[in-house]
Amino acid sequence: MLTDLFTPSVQHWLDLAGIFVFATSGALLAVRKNFDVFGIAVLAEVTALGGGLIRDLVIGAVPPAAFTDLGYFLTPLVAAALIFFLHPEVERINGAVNVFDAAGLGLFCVAGTTKAYAYGLSLTASVVLGLATAAGGGVLRDVLANEIPSLLRWDREVYAVPAIVGSSMAALLIHFQSLNAFTSGVAALTAFVLRLLAMRYGWRAPRAWHRRSSAVEEV
């Protein structure tokens, strides 16, 4: 079965690791926005769990995992508490946090695709939900923080493209009945590496052809 790629305990810990790093990025943005402790906790929770909630509600996996597993709910709070007290130190290792965020992106895009397909969606719809799982929390985070979502900004390194590649690879593996723990790991690793390369070399998606807008990009 698609849901049996990893043992339940391994899958659980992989999920918690991804949730933690996404929660860290949300809490850091809350600190930069000068939010109070409640705002830091909310942004951490939304960033970590938002994508999975969107996926589970769409596919009918209710109640969502975030509400049935206490670890899913508490992990973002742990990340928020660490950022609340240690954010200067975490800011200094922001590069490492970005690496873990890229790892979470790779893991969640593949996990979201396989779970959506296991619930009966088509391969195309599963790819879309794989992207939503990986990036949905970040979009909700930016909206709550009154920012244009990073996913939509040209002046940020590509984020959706690596997730789409990872999700599409998972869908193709499903189509050819080749999805297993190793190949799903390759798909997740591909998304991870693409995201790292995008950050390293500043890769950006192209803008409109013959664009003549005078709009100034935000910093």
C-alpha atoms as a PDB file:
ATOM      1  CA  MET A   1       0.000   0.000   0.000  1.00  0.00           C
ATOM      2  CA  LEU A   2       1.083   3.591  -0.589  1.00  0.00           C
ATOM      3  CA  THR A   3       0.674   4.385   3.064  1.00  0.00           C
ATOM      4  CA  ASP A   4       3.083   1.578   4.031  1.00  0.00           C
ATOM      5  CA  LEU A   5       6.260   3.070   2.553  1.00  0.00           C
ATOM      6  CA  PHE A   6       7.682   3.465   6.040  1.00  0.00           C
ATOM      7  CA  THR A   7       6.848   1.871   9.360  1.00  0.00           C
ATOM      8  CA  PRO A   8       4.311   3.926  11.351  1.00  0.00           C
ATOM      9  CA  SER A   9       6.934   4.967  13.893  1.00  0.00           C
ATOM     10  CA  VAL A  10       9.406   6.129  11.228  1.00  0.00           C
ATOM     11  CA  GLN A  11       6.683   8.003   9.338  1.00  0.00           C
ATOM     12  CA  HIS A  12       5.546   9.629  12.572  1.00  0.00           C
ATOM     13  CA  TRP A  13       9.013  10.907  13.417  1.00  0.00           C
ATOM     14  CA  LEU A  14       9.564  12.141   9.858  1.00  0.00           C
ATOM     15  CA  ASP A  15       6.294  14.066  10.083  1.00  0.00           C
ATOM     16  CA  LEU A  16       7.274  15.586  13.432  1.00  0.00           C
ATOM     17  CA  ALA A  17      10.678  16.636  12.063  1.00  0.00           C
ATOM     18  CA  GLY A  18       9.048  18.395   9.111  1.00  0.00           C
ATOM     19  CA  ILE A  19       6.464  20.009  11.379  1.00  0.00           C
ATOM     20  CA  PHE A  20       9.188  21.289  13.701  1.00  0.00           C
ATOM     21  CA  VAL A  21      11.263  22.989  11.007  1.00  0.00           C
ATOM     22  CA  PHE A  22       8.213  24.584   9.387  1.00  0.00           C
ATOM     23  CA  ALA A  23       7.050  25.796  12.812  1.00  0.00           C
ATOM     24  CA  THR A  24      10.489  27.325  13.370  1.00  0.00           C
ATOM     25  CA  SER A  25      10.226  29.379  10.187  1.00  0.00           C
ATOM     26  CA  GLY A  26       6.766  30.608  11.193  1.00  0.00           C
ATOM     27  CA  ALA A  27       7.891  31.565  14.684  1.00  0.00           C
ATOM     28  CA  LEU A  28      10.925  33.422  13.313  1.00  0.00           C
ATOM     29  CA  LEU A  29       8.706  35.498  11.019  1.00  0.00           C
ATOM     30  CA  ALA A  30       6.472  36.307  13.993  1.00  0.00           C
ATOM     31  CA  VAL A  31       9.497  37.554  15.942  1.00  0.00           C
ATOM     32  CA  ARG A  32      10.585  39.715  13.001  1.00  0.00           C
ATOM     33  CA  LYS A  33       7.057  41.139  12.850  1.00  0.00           C
ATOM     34  CA  ASN A  34       7.225  41.916  16.595  1.00  0.00           C
ATOM     35  CA  PHE A  35       4.308  39.607  17.456  1.00  0.00           C
ATOM     36  CA  ASP A  36       3.631  38.693  21.075  1.00  0.00           C
ATOM     37  CA  VAL A  37       3.950  35.179  22.471  1.00  0.00           C
ATOM     38  CA  PHE A  38       0.460  34.216  21.324  1.00  0.00           C
ATOM     39  CA  GLY A  39       1.155  35.454  17.801  1.00  0.00           C
ATOM     40  CA  ILE A  40       4.426  33.493  17.722  1.00  0.00           C
ATOM     41  CA  ALA A  41       2.580  30.318  18.740  1.00  0.00           C
ATOM     42  CA  VAL A  42      -0.208  30.860  16.202  1.00  0.00           C
ATOM     43  CA  LEU A  43       2.174  31.462  13.318  1.00  0.00           C
ATOM     44  CA  ALA A  44       4.208  28.406  14.295  1.00  0.00           C
ATOM     45  CA  GLU A  45       1.086  26.206  14.370  1.00  0.00           C
ATOM     46  CA  VAL A  46      -0.322  27.548  11.111  1.00  0.00           C
ATOM     47  CA  THR A  47       2.963  27.215   9.226  1.00  0.00           C
ATOM     48  CA  ALA A  48       3.592  23.683  10.456  1.00  0.00           C
ATOM     49  CA  LEU A  49       0.095  22.245  10.125  1.00  0.00           C
ATOM     50  CA  GLY A  50      -1.672  24.402   7.522  1.00  0.00           C
ATOM     51  CA  GLY A  51      -0.642  22.416   4.455  1.00  0.00           C
ATOM     52  CA  GLY A  52      -1.594  19.090   5.999  1.00  0.00           C
ATOM     53  CA  LEU A  53      -4.940  20.482   7.150  1.00  0.00           C
ATOM     54  CA  ILE A  54      -5.765  21.685   3.633  1.00  0.00           C
ATOM     55  CA  ARG A  55      -4.871  18.282   2.186  1.00  0.00           C
ATOM     56  CA  ASP A  56      -6.808  16.268   4.772  1.00  0.00           C
ATOM     57  CA  LEU A  57      -9.935  18.416   4.435  1.00  0.00           C
ATOM     58  CA  VAL A  58      -9.877  18.129   0.631  1.00  0.00           C
ATOM     59  CA  ILE A  59      -9.450  14.343   0.600  1.00  0.00           C
ATOM     60  CA  GLY A  60     -11.917  13.775   3.427  1.00  0.00           C
ATOM     61  CA  ALA A  61      -9.418  12.456   5.967  1.00  0.00           C
ATOM     62  CA  VAL A  62     -11.314  13.843   8.927  1.00  0.00           C
ATOM     63  CA  PRO A  63     -10.672  14.654  11.630  1.00  0.00           C
ATOM     64  CA  PRO A  64      -7.288  15.766  10.257  1.00  0.00           C
ATOM     65  CA  ALA A  65      -4.154  14.195  11.700  1.00  0.00           C
ATOM     66  CA  ALA A  66      -3.291  17.502  13.382  1.00  0.00           C
ATOM     67  CA  PHE A  67      -6.331  17.049  15.641  1.00  0.00           C
ATOM     68  CA  THR A  68      -5.944  13.346  16.376  1.00  0.00           C
ATOM     69  CA  ASP A  69      -2.255  13.226  17.284  1.00  0.00           C
ATOM     70  CA  LEU A  70      -1.237  15.371  20.240  1.00  0.00           C
ATOM     71  CA  GLY A  71       2.386  15.321  19.073  1.00  0.00           C
ATOM     72  CA  TYR A  72       1.425  17.145  15.882  1.00  0.00           C
ATOM     73  CA  PHE A  73      -0.147  19.943  17.911  1.00  0.00           C
ATOM     74  CA  LEU A  74       2.527  20.194  20.613  1.00  0.00           C
ATOM     75  CA  THR A  75       5.599  20.118  18.346  1.00  0.00           C
ATOM     76  CA  PRO A  76       4.951  23.620  16.902  1.00  0.00           C
ATOM     77  CA  LEU A  77       4.477  24.924  20.441  1.00  0.00           C
ATOM     78  CA  VAL A  78       7.882  23.529  21.405  1.00  0.00           C
ATOM     79  CA  ALA A  79       9.406  25.251  18.376  1.00  0.00           C
ATOM     80  CA  ALA A  80       7.610  28.492  19.281  1.00  0.00           C
ATOM     81  CA  ALA A  81       8.940  28.341  22.850  1.00  0.00           C
ATOM     82  CA  LEU A  82      12.498  27.796  21.636  1.00  0.00           C
ATOM     83  CA  ILE A  83      12.245  30.733  19.235  1.00  0.00           C
ATOM     84  CA  PHE A  84      10.664  32.930  21.927  1.00  0.00           C
ATOM     85  CA  PHE A  85      13.693  32.516  24.188  1.00  0.00           C
ATOM     86  CA  LEU A  86      16.499  31.732  21.735  1.00  0.00           C
ATOM     87  CA  HIS A  87      15.627  33.627  18.556  1.00  0.00           C
ATOM     88  CA  PRO A  88      18.932  35.585  18.406  1.00  0.00           C
ATOM     89  CA  GLU A  89      20.851  32.311  18.388  1.00  0.00           C
ATOM     90  CA  VAL A  90      18.490  30.731  15.853  1.00  0.00           C
ATOM     91  CA  GLU A  91      18.759  33.785  13.587  1.00  0.00           C
ATOM     92  CA  ARG A  92      22.525  33.227  13.504  1.00  0.00           C
ATOM     93  CA  ILE A  93      21.992  29.717  12.146  1.00  0.00           C
ATOM     94  CA  ASN A  94      19.234  30.800   9.770  1.00  0.00           C
ATOM     95  CA  GLY A  95      21.062  29.080   6.925  1.00  0.00           C
ATOM     96  CA  ALA A  96      20.733  25.761   8.725  1.00  0.00           C
ATOM     97  CA  VAL A  97      17.048  26.432   9.368  1.00  0.00           C
ATOM     98  CA  ASN A  98      16.570  27.040   5.631  1.00  0.00           C
ATOM     99  CA  VAL A  99      18.225  23.709   4.897  1.00  0.00           C
ATOM    100  CA  PHE A 100      15.830  21.926   7.243  1.00  0.00           C
ATOM    101  CA  ASP A 101      12.926  23.840   5.725  1.00  0.00           C
ATOM    102  CA  ALA A 102      13.993  22.563   2.300  1.00  0.00           C
ATOM    103  CA  ALA A 103      14.107  19.044   3.728  1.00  0.00           C
ATOM    104  CA  GLY A 104      10.571  19.475   5.059  1.00  0.00           C
ATOM    105  CA  LEU A 105       9.472  20.703   1.638  1.00  0.00           C
ATOM    106  CA  GLY A 106      10.828  17.565  -0.018  1.00  0.00           C
ATOM    107  CA  LEU A 107       9.315  15.229   2.543  1.00  0.00           C
ATOM    108  CA  PHE A 108       5.880  16.847   2.635  1.00  0.00           C
ATOM    109  CA  CYS A 109       5.398  17.190  -1.129  1.00  0.00           C
ATOM    110  CA  VAL A 110       5.944  13.448  -1.586  1.00  0.00           C
ATOM    111  CA  ALA A 111       3.943  12.455   1.503  1.00  0.00           C
ATOM    112  CA  GLY A 112       1.062  14.724   0.458  1.00  0.00           C
ATOM    113  CA  THR A 113       0.970  13.279  -3.054  1.00  0.00           C
ATOM    114  CA  THR A 114       0.966   9.659  -1.904  1.00  0.00           C
ATOM    115  CA  LYS A 115      -1.684  10.255   0.772  1.00  0.00           C
ATOM    116  CA  ALA A 116      -3.965  12.065  -1.679  1.00  0.00           C
ATOM    117  CA  TYR A 117      -3.673   9.225  -4.192  1.00  0.00           C
ATOM    118  CA  ALA A 118      -4.299   6.644  -1.473  1.00  0.00           C
ATOM    119  CA  TYR A 119      -7.603   8.432  -0.793  1.00  0.00           C
ATOM    120  CA  GLY A 120      -8.727   8.003  -4.385  1.00  0.00           C
ATOM    121  CA  LEU A 121      -7.675  11.213  -6.129  1.00  0.00           C
ATOM    122  CA  SER A 122      -6.267  11.254  -9.646  1.00  0.00           C
ATOM    123  CA  LEU A 123      -2.536  11.609 -10.176  1.00  0.00           C
ATOM    124  CA  THR A 124      -2.894  15.237 -11.300  1.00  0.00           C
ATOM    125  CA  ALA A 125      -4.997  16.173  -8.284  1.00  0.00           C
ATOM    126  CA  SER A 126      -2.542  14.313  -6.052  1.00  0.00           C
ATOM    127  CA  VAL A 127       0.329  16.439  -7.378  1.00  0.00           C
ATOM    128  CA  VAL A 128      -1.642  19.607  -6.611  1.00  0.00           C
ATOM    129  CA  LEU A 129      -2.280  18.423  -3.063  1.00  0.00           C
ATOM    130  CA  GLY A 130       1.370  17.460  -2.717  1.00  0.00           C
ATOM    131  CA  LEU A 131       2.248  21.075  -3.464  1.00  0.00           C
ATOM    132  CA  ALA A 132      -0.468  22.276  -1.075  1.00  0.00           C
ATOM    133  CA  THR A 133       0.894  20.053   1.686  1.00  0.00           C
ATOM    134  CA  ALA A 134       4.412  21.388   1.241  1.00  0.00           C
ATOM    135  CA  ALA A 135       3.654  25.073   0.686  1.00  0.00           C
ATOM    136  CA  GLY A 136       0.154  25.692   2.065  1.00  0.00           C
ATOM    137  CA  GLY A 137       1.340  26.434   5.596  1.00  0.00           C
ATOM    138  CA  GLY A 138       3.824  29.011   4.336  1.00  0.00           C
ATOM    139  CA  VAL A 139       1.123  30.775   2.321  1.00  0.00           C
ATOM    140  CA  LEU A 140      -1.177  30.947   5.357  1.00  0.00           C
ATOM    141  CA  ARG A 141       1.744  32.199   7.468  1.00  0.00           C
ATOM    142  CA  ASP A 142       2.485  35.059   5.084  1.00  0.00           C
ATOM    143  CA  VAL A 143      -1.174  36.047   4.789  1.00  0.00           C
ATOM    144  CA  LEU A 144      -1.543  36.220   8.586  1.00  0.00           C
ATOM    145  CA  ALA A 145       1.678  38.249   8.775  1.00  0.00           C
ATOM    146  CA  ASN A 146       0.292  40.699   6.170  1.00  0.00           C
ATOM    147  CA  GLU A 147       2.889  39.822   3.545  1.00  0.00           C
ATOM    148  CA  ILE A 148       2.627  38.799  -0.087  1.00  0.00           C
ATOM    149  CA  PRO A 149       3.101  35.013   0.078  1.00  0.00           C
ATOM    150  CA  SER A 150       6.679  34.069  -0.775  1.00  0.00           C
ATOM    151  CA  LEU A 151       5.220  31.483  -3.142  1.00  0.00           C
ATOM    152  CA  LEU A 152       3.945  34.306  -5.382  1.00  0.00           C
ATOM    153  CA  ARG A 153       6.883  36.702  -5.244  1.00  0.00           C
ATOM    154  CA  TRP A 154       9.302  36.933  -8.148  1.00  0.00           C
ATOM    155  CA  ASP A 155      12.036  38.404  -5.950  1.00  0.00           C
ATOM    156  CA  ARG A 156      12.305  35.207  -3.896  1.00  0.00           C
ATOM    157  CA  GLU A 157      13.995  31.971  -4.902  1.00  0.00           C
ATOM    158  CA  VAL A 158      11.669  29.407  -6.437  1.00  0.00           C
ATOM    159  CA  TYR A 159       9.786  27.391  -3.824  1.00  0.00           C
ATOM    160  CA  ALA A 160       6.840  25.894  -5.652  1.00  0.00           C
ATOM    161  CA  VAL A 161       8.901  24.470  -8.519  1.00  0.00           C
ATOM    162  CA  PRO A 162      10.944  22.039  -6.364  1.00  0.00           C
ATOM    163  CA  ALA A 163       7.731  20.911  -4.641  1.00  0.00           C
ATOM    164  CA  ILE A 164       5.996  20.384  -7.988  1.00  0.00           C
ATOM    165  CA  VAL A 165       8.972  18.380  -9.261  1.00  0.00           C
ATOM    166  CA  GLY A 166       8.986  16.182  -6.170  1.00  0.00           C
ATOM    167  CA  SER A 167       5.221  15.680  -6.294  1.00  0.00           C
ATOM    168  CA  SER A 168       5.305  14.910 -10.023  1.00  0.00           C
ATOM    169  CA  MET A 169       8.077  12.367  -9.550  1.00  0.00           C
ATOM    170  CA  ALA A 170       6.001  10.648  -6.857  1.00  0.00           C
ATOM    171  CA  ALA A 171       2.974  10.622  -9.180  1.00  0.00           C
ATOM    172  CA  LEU A 172       4.997   9.104 -12.024  1.00  0.00           C
ATOM    173  CA  LEU A 173       6.372   6.445  -9.700  1.00  0.00           C
ATOM    174  CA  ILE A 174       2.822   5.612  -8.643  1.00  0.00           C
ATOM    175  CA  HIS A 175       1.740   5.428 -12.299  1.00  0.00           C
ATOM    176  CA  PHE A 176       4.519   2.985 -13.133  1.00  0.00           C
ATOM    177  CA  GLN A 177       3.964   1.058  -9.887  1.00  0.00           C
ATOM    178  CA  SER A 178       7.513   1.808  -8.799  1.00  0.00           C
ATOM    179  CA  LEU A 179       6.857   3.766  -5.624  1.00  0.00           C
ATOM    180  CA  ASN A 180       8.607   2.352  -2.580  1.00  0.00           C
ATOM    181  CA  ALA A 181      10.617   3.671   0.351  1.00  0.00           C
ATOM    182  CA  PHE A 182      13.746   4.111  -1.789  1.00  0.00           C
ATOM    183  CA  THR A 183      12.151   5.769  -4.822  1.00  0.00           C
ATOM    184  CA  SER A 184       9.988   8.054  -2.685  1.00  0.00           C
ATOM    185  CA  GLY A 185      13.175   9.071  -0.892  1.00  0.00           C
ATOM    186  CA  VAL A 186      14.743   9.900  -4.259  1.00  0.00           C
ATOM    187  CA  ALA A 187      11.749  12.087  -5.152  1.00  0.00           C
ATOM    188  CA  ALA A 188      11.944  13.903  -1.800  1.00  0.00           C
ATOM    189  CA  LEU A 189      15.714  14.296  -2.161  1.00  0.00           C
ATOM    190  CA  THR A 190      15.299  15.771  -5.648  1.00  0.00           C
ATOM    191  CA  ALA A 191      12.914  18.451  -4.353  1.00  0.00           C
ATOM    192  CA  PHE A 192      15.280  19.102  -1.443  1.00  0.00           C
ATOM    193  CA  VAL A 193      18.333  19.535  -3.679  1.00  0.00           C
ATOM    194  CA  LEU A 194      16.472  21.749  -6.155  1.00  0.00           C
ATOM    195  CA  ARG A 195      15.394  24.030  -3.320  1.00  0.00           C
ATOM    196  CA  LEU A 196      18.957  24.205  -1.984  1.00  0.00           C
ATOM    197  CA  LEU A 197      20.288  25.045  -5.461  1.00  0.00           C
ATOM    198  CA  ALA A 198      17.613  27.726  -5.858  1.00  0.00           C
ATOM    199  CA  MET A 199      18.719  29.332  -2.587  1.00  0.00           C
ATOM    200  CA  ARG A 200      22.396  28.989  -3.462  1.00  0.00           C
ATOM    201  CA  TYR A 201      22.174  30.465  -6.966  1.00  0.00           C
ATOM    202  CA  GLY A 202      19.138  32.728  -6.592  1.00  0.00           C
ATOM    203  CA  TRP A 203      16.975  30.906  -9.124  1.00  0.00           C
ATOM    204  CA  ARG A 204      13.711  32.708  -9.827  1.00  0.00           C
ATOM    205  CA  ALA A 205      10.704  31.960 -11.983  1.00  0.00           C
ATOM    206  CA  PRO A 206      10.266  34.076 -15.152  1.00  0.00           C
ATOM    207  CA  ARG A 207       7.880  37.000 -15.154  1.00  0.00           C
ATOM    208  CA  ALA A 208       5.333  37.947 -17.828  1.00  0.00           C
ATOM    209  CA  TRP A 209       6.650  38.100 -21.401  1.00  0.00           C
ATOM    210  CA  HIS A 210       7.477  41.674 -22.495  1.00  0.00           C
ATOM    211  CA  ARG A 211       6.557  42.906 -19.045  1.00  0.00           C
ATOM    212  CA  ARG A 212       6.190  46.713 -18.956  1.00  0.00           C
ATOM    213  CA  SER A 213       4.896  47.189 -15.412  1.00  0.00           C
ATOM    214  CA  SER A 214       6.630  49.889 -13.386  1.00  0.00           C
ATOM    215  CA  ALA A 215       5.727  48.243 -10.071  1.00  0.00           C
ATOM    216  CA  VAL A 216       8.608  48.184  -7.631  1.00  0.00           C
ATOM    217  CA  GLU A 217       9.522  44.862  -6.048  1.00  0.00           C
ATOM    218  CA  GLU A 218       9.274  44.602  -2.273  1.00  0.00           C
ATOM    219  CA  VAL A 219      12.414  43.922  -0.307  1.00  0.00           C
END
